[in-house]
Protein backbone atom coordinates (compact mmCIF):
# COMPACT_ATOMS: atom_id res chain seq x y z
CA UNK A 1 -53.80 139.58 -59.76
CA UNK A 2 -51.99 139.12 -63.42
CA UNK A 3 -52.90 142.86 -65.46
CA UNK A 4 -55.96 142.37 -67.53
CA UNK A 5 -55.53 142.77 -71.62
CA UNK A 6 -56.21 146.14 -72.70
CA UNK A 7 -54.84 150.21 -72.16
CA UNK A 8 -54.27 151.46 -68.67
CA UNK A 9 -54.46 155.10 -68.23
CA UNK A 10 -52.31 155.96 -65.80
CA UNK A 11 -51.64 159.17 -63.70
CA UNK A 12 -47.73 159.99 -62.63
CA UNK A 13 -46.69 162.55 -60.06
CA UNK A 14 -46.78 166.06 -60.80
CA UNK A 15 -43.48 166.87 -59.16
CA UNK A 16 -43.00 164.64 -55.47
CA UNK A 17 -42.33 160.58 -56.81
CA UNK A 18 -43.94 159.65 -53.74
CA UNK A 19 -47.28 160.93 -54.84
CA UNK A 20 -47.48 157.84 -57.21
CA UNK A 21 -49.92 155.00 -56.19
CA UNK A 22 -49.44 151.75 -55.79
CA UNK A 23 -51.69 150.79 -58.19
CA UNK A 24 -50.14 152.83 -60.63
CA UNK A 25 -46.50 151.20 -59.97
CA UNK A 26 -47.57 147.31 -60.56
CA UNK A 27 -49.23 148.21 -63.65
CA UNK A 28 -46.02 149.87 -65.36
CA UNK A 29 -44.69 146.75 -64.13
CA UNK A 30 -46.40 144.35 -65.51
CA UNK A 31 -47.69 145.86 -68.33
CA UNK A 32 -45.92 144.77 -72.18
CA UNK A 33 -45.24 148.48 -72.64
CA UNK A 34 -45.43 152.41 -71.65
CA UNK A 35 -46.24 154.98 -73.83
CA UNK A 36 -44.94 158.35 -72.70
CA UNK A 37 -44.95 161.92 -73.61
CA UNK A 38 -41.61 162.11 -73.26
CA UNK A 39 -39.30 158.54 -72.55
CA UNK A 40 -36.47 160.63 -70.60
CA UNK A 41 -39.29 162.22 -68.46
CA UNK A 42 -41.23 158.70 -67.50
CA UNK A 43 -37.47 157.38 -67.31
CA UNK A 44 -37.16 159.29 -63.78
CA UNK A 45 -40.26 157.02 -61.88
CA UNK A 46 -39.13 153.74 -63.71
CA UNK A 47 -35.92 154.92 -62.36
CA UNK A 48 -37.29 155.25 -58.20
CA UNK A 49 -39.24 152.16 -58.46
CA UNK A 50 -37.18 149.44 -60.20
CA UNK A 51 -39.84 149.97 -63.40
CA UNK A 52 -38.00 148.00 -66.25
CA UNK A 53 -41.16 147.65 -69.07
CA UNK A 54 -39.93 148.76 -72.28
CA UNK A 55 -40.84 152.43 -72.73
CA UNK A 56 -41.62 154.14 -76.08
CA UNK A 57 -42.77 157.63 -77.01
CA UNK A 58 -46.77 158.53 -77.84
CA UNK A 59 -47.13 162.40 -78.28
CA UNK A 60 -48.72 165.35 -80.53
CA UNK A 61 -45.37 164.94 -82.79
CA UNK A 62 -46.14 161.07 -83.49
CA UNK A 63 -48.99 160.63 -82.59
CA UNK A 64 -50.91 160.01 -86.07
CA UNK A 65 -48.20 157.55 -86.97
CA UNK A 66 -47.92 155.19 -84.36
CA UNK A 67 -51.30 154.75 -83.36
CA UNK A 68 -51.98 152.20 -85.65
CA UNK A 69 -49.63 150.18 -84.24
CA UNK A 70 -50.79 150.49 -80.81
CA UNK A 71 -54.26 149.36 -81.64
CA UNK A 72 -52.87 146.63 -83.41
CA UNK A 73 -50.77 145.49 -80.04
CA UNK A 74 -53.69 146.07 -78.38
CA UNK A 75 -55.85 143.97 -80.55
CA UNK A 76 -53.57 141.14 -79.98
CA UNK A 77 -54.12 141.15 -76.19
CA UNK A 78 -50.93 143.38 -75.24
CA UNK A 79 -51.12 145.13 -71.95
CA UNK A 80 -50.20 149.12 -72.62
CA UNK A 81 -49.85 151.85 -70.21
CA UNK A 82 -50.00 155.57 -71.24
CA UNK A 83 -48.73 157.91 -69.31
CA UNK A 84 -48.32 162.05 -69.48
CA UNK A 85 -45.11 163.62 -68.66
CA UNK A 86 -47.01 164.21 -64.82
CA UNK A 87 -50.39 163.89 -63.89
CA UNK A 88 -53.11 162.63 -65.58
CA UNK A 89 -53.19 161.59 -68.80
CA UNK A 90 -55.76 163.11 -71.46
CA UNK A 91 -55.80 166.76 -69.32
CA UNK A 92 -54.31 169.07 -71.65
CA UNK A 93 -52.25 166.31 -74.00
CA UNK A 94 -52.84 164.31 -76.80
CA UNK A 95 -54.11 160.70 -75.46
CA UNK A 96 -57.52 161.46 -76.24
CA UNK A 97 -57.83 160.33 -79.92
CA UNK A 98 -55.61 157.35 -78.52
CA UNK A 99 -58.54 156.17 -75.89
CA UNK A 100 -60.91 157.28 -78.16
CA UNK A 101 -59.50 155.07 -80.70
CA UNK A 102 -59.05 151.70 -78.62
CA UNK A 103 -62.98 152.23 -77.15
CA UNK A 104 -64.09 152.23 -80.70
CA UNK A 105 -62.19 149.26 -81.33
CA UNK A 106 -63.89 147.45 -78.68
CA UNK A 107 -60.18 147.57 -76.59
CA UNK A 108 -61.39 147.67 -72.57
CA UNK A 109 -59.61 151.04 -71.35
CA UNK A 110 -58.90 151.40 -67.45
CA UNK A 111 -57.89 154.51 -65.54
CA UNK A 112 -55.63 154.76 -62.97
CA UNK A 113 -56.58 157.61 -61.17
CA UNK A 114 -54.17 159.45 -59.45
CA UNK A 115 -52.35 163.10 -59.33
CA UNK A 116 -53.93 166.19 -61.28
CA UNK A 117 -52.50 169.97 -61.14
CA UNK A 118 -55.82 171.50 -61.68
CA UNK A 119 -57.41 169.62 -59.22
CA UNK A 120 -54.52 169.67 -56.65
CA UNK A 121 -54.51 173.47 -56.87
CA UNK A 122 -58.20 173.64 -56.64
CA UNK A 123 -57.92 171.45 -53.50
CA UNK A 124 -55.88 174.02 -51.73
CA UNK A 125 -56.45 177.38 -52.96
CA UNK A 126 -59.16 178.37 -50.65
CA UNK A 127 -61.68 179.06 -53.83
CA UNK A 128 -64.77 178.05 -54.29
CA UNK A 129 -64.64 174.46 -55.69
CA UNK A 130 -68.57 173.28 -55.72
CA UNK A 131 -68.50 173.79 -59.15
CA UNK A 132 -65.16 174.49 -61.48
CA UNK A 133 -64.58 175.12 -65.12
CA UNK A 134 -61.16 173.44 -66.39
CA UNK A 135 -60.11 175.73 -69.57
CA UNK A 136 -56.58 174.08 -70.00
CA UNK A 137 -54.11 176.27 -71.57
CA UNK A 138 -55.40 179.72 -73.12
CA UNK A 139 -54.32 180.59 -76.52
CA UNK A 140 -50.98 182.25 -77.36
CA UNK A 141 -52.03 184.75 -79.24
CA UNK A 142 -53.52 187.66 -77.56
CA UNK A 143 -56.78 188.50 -79.54
CA UNK A 144 -57.58 184.79 -79.36
CA UNK A 145 -57.26 184.86 -75.59
CA UNK A 146 -59.38 187.65 -74.91
CA UNK A 147 -61.85 185.62 -77.02
CA UNK A 148 -61.55 182.58 -74.90
CA UNK A 149 -62.00 184.67 -71.54
CA UNK A 150 -65.25 187.00 -73.06
CA UNK A 151 -67.08 183.08 -73.18
CA UNK A 152 -66.24 182.53 -69.98
CA UNK A 153 -66.76 185.97 -67.98
CA UNK A 154 -70.53 184.58 -67.05
CA UNK A 155 -69.70 181.35 -65.69
CA UNK A 156 -71.07 180.36 -62.30
CA UNK A 157 -67.84 178.37 -61.47
CA UNK A 158 -64.30 178.98 -60.79
CA UNK A 159 -62.17 179.13 -63.55
CA UNK A 160 -59.34 176.88 -63.98
CA UNK A 161 -56.35 177.26 -66.36
CA UNK A 162 -53.02 176.03 -66.79
CA UNK A 163 -50.69 178.83 -67.80
CA UNK A 164 -46.67 179.39 -68.98
CA UNK A 165 -44.18 181.14 -66.99
CA UNK A 166 -43.27 183.48 -70.50
CA UNK A 167 -47.11 184.40 -70.96
CA UNK A 168 -48.30 184.79 -67.22
CA UNK A 169 -48.20 188.14 -66.79
CA UNK A 170 -50.18 188.52 -70.31
CA UNK A 171 -52.77 186.16 -69.20
CA UNK A 172 -53.66 187.89 -65.50
CA UNK A 173 -53.70 191.59 -67.52
CA UNK A 174 -56.18 189.90 -69.95
CA UNK A 175 -58.65 188.43 -67.69
CA UNK A 176 -58.45 191.57 -65.37
CA UNK A 177 -59.69 193.16 -68.25
CA UNK A 178 -62.45 190.78 -69.42
CA UNK A 179 -63.70 189.28 -65.76
CA UNK A 180 -62.82 192.62 -63.81
CA UNK A 181 -60.30 192.54 -60.79
CA UNK A 182 -61.88 189.66 -59.29
CA UNK A 183 -60.04 187.17 -56.36
CA UNK A 184 -57.50 184.30 -57.97
CA UNK A 185 -54.83 182.29 -56.54
CA UNK A 186 -51.58 181.54 -59.14
CA UNK A 187 -50.49 177.72 -58.15
CA UNK A 188 -46.93 177.25 -58.69
CA UNK A 189 -44.48 173.71 -58.50
CA UNK A 190 -47.78 172.04 -56.53
CA UNK A 191 -46.27 169.20 -54.82
CA UNK A 192 -42.24 170.16 -55.53
CA UNK A 193 -39.74 172.32 -53.25
CA UNK A 194 -41.07 175.43 -54.06
CA UNK A 195 -44.39 175.18 -54.35
CA UNK A 196 -46.42 178.55 -53.50
CA UNK A 197 -49.85 179.66 -53.72
CA UNK A 198 -50.37 183.60 -54.53
CA UNK A 199 -53.71 184.85 -53.70
CA UNK A 200 -54.70 188.28 -54.36
CA UNK A 201 -56.70 190.41 -57.11
CA UNK A 202 -55.93 189.65 -60.54
CA UNK A 203 -54.75 193.16 -61.05
CA UNK A 204 -52.23 192.62 -57.62
CA UNK A 205 -51.58 188.92 -59.27
CA UNK A 206 -50.39 190.61 -62.76
CA UNK A 207 -47.77 193.23 -60.68
CA UNK A 208 -46.31 189.95 -58.48
CA UNK A 209 -45.91 188.12 -62.02
CA UNK A 210 -45.32 191.48 -64.46
CA UNK A 211 -41.19 190.33 -64.33
CA UNK A 212 -41.75 186.60 -65.45
CA UNK A 213 -42.14 183.08 -63.14
CA UNK A 214 -40.87 179.92 -63.30
CA UNK A 215 -42.51 176.33 -63.06
CA UNK A 216 -45.62 174.62 -63.78
CA UNK A 217 -48.45 177.05 -63.03
CA UNK A 218 -51.90 176.74 -62.32
CA UNK A 219 -54.32 179.73 -62.46
CA UNK A 220 -57.50 179.65 -60.70
CA UNK A 221 -60.16 182.73 -60.85
CA UNK A 222 -63.29 183.07 -58.21
CA UNK A 223 -66.89 182.77 -59.90
CA UNK A 224 -68.61 185.99 -61.78
CA UNK A 225 -70.28 188.14 -59.29
CA UNK A 226 -74.64 187.37 -59.18
CA UNK A 227 -74.57 190.94 -60.94
CA UNK A 228 -72.32 190.02 -63.32
CA UNK A 229 -74.83 186.76 -64.29
CA UNK A 230 -77.85 188.44 -64.47
CA UNK A 231 -76.37 189.67 -67.50
CA UNK A 232 -77.56 186.42 -69.40
CA UNK A 233 -81.12 187.66 -69.09
CA UNK A 234 -80.27 190.92 -70.30
CA UNK A 235 -78.83 189.25 -73.44
CA UNK A 236 -82.00 187.18 -74.00
CA UNK A 237 -84.31 190.15 -73.74
CA UNK A 238 -81.98 191.50 -76.59
CA UNK A 239 -82.05 188.81 -79.12
CA UNK A 240 -86.14 188.35 -78.09
CA UNK A 241 -86.82 191.59 -79.00
CA UNK A 242 -84.06 191.25 -82.20
CA UNK A 243 -86.55 188.69 -83.37
CA UNK A 244 -89.28 190.66 -84.05
CA UNK A 245 -87.96 192.03 -87.12
CA UNK A 246 -84.67 190.12 -87.45
CA UNK A 247 -83.95 186.66 -88.83
CA UNK A 248 -82.32 184.45 -86.19
CA UNK A 249 -78.74 184.87 -87.84
CA UNK A 250 -78.85 188.82 -87.86
CA UNK A 251 -80.16 188.69 -84.23
CA UNK A 252 -77.47 186.55 -83.07
CA UNK A 253 -75.40 188.71 -85.04
CA UNK A 254 -76.51 191.83 -83.24
CA UNK A 255 -76.19 190.45 -79.97
CA UNK A 256 -72.69 189.41 -80.45
CA UNK A 257 -71.84 192.86 -81.51
CA UNK A 258 -74.26 194.32 -78.41
CA UNK A 259 -72.80 191.85 -75.61
CA UNK A 260 -69.16 191.18 -76.91
CA UNK A 261 -70.10 187.34 -76.77
CA UNK A 262 -69.21 184.77 -79.67
CA UNK A 263 -71.58 184.45 -82.57
CA UNK A 264 -72.01 181.26 -81.88
CA UNK A 265 -73.13 181.49 -78.22
CA UNK A 266 -75.20 184.04 -79.16
CA UNK A 267 -76.92 182.14 -82.23
CA UNK A 268 -77.72 179.14 -79.89
CA UNK A 269 -79.25 181.25 -77.81
CA UNK A 270 -81.31 182.73 -80.80
CA UNK A 271 -82.41 179.29 -81.97
CA UNK A 272 -83.69 178.34 -78.50
CA UNK A 273 -85.42 181.80 -77.78
CA UNK A 274 -87.19 181.37 -81.39
CA UNK A 275 -88.20 177.70 -80.77
CA UNK A 276 -89.75 178.92 -77.77
CA UNK A 277 -91.90 181.61 -79.21
């Protein structure tokens, strides 16, 4: 069947080139153009499967400039594949804006599912998987990283992060500081020759990686314990009491300081509680 006009969001291997689907290879071969984060990276996959479709870059550096041309081509009936360097596009890469613009323009967007590092890591980590929260890459700056972790501390789900080798030890240490010494898994080089899954407490893993790490990394942290999650009720009681004498804004600010939670989250809680009175 001939490829229909539209934008194809194509998942590519995260390591082992054999993990690509038949459907993705067919689409790459039949498309008018492939847009990639890095054309050199995608060239390896294309060479392995004799894909000769022209390639062009679409990444965080040129997205604003080239996106109008892509949308114009799609309006004209082009068949375009969007790929990331590895895994599923839009997951920690810049494809969201292109898909959003295509949808807004009435262009068909087709998902071509396949590899994803976060899901692959979760499937083999041995942690609770019924509910998980994907947080992507934590901020590079220490204080911003701590702020993010604090906002996630009471979530009743396994937390999933991507991390760079250079920041892994620092992130594990910050997680230990905020989450407590929870069980966690560091998954590295998934589907590659040196694939590893290290399971232990956050402090033990921070010790393992204190001298650095190599490769693509996923960090998974077990959910908050029941007693940690009970803190939500405590926060609500604090805010409800504060609202007896303070405005919503001041009650939220007091709660944010008392419990070290994001001000926006505290404000939203205060608004909801005020509305329920």
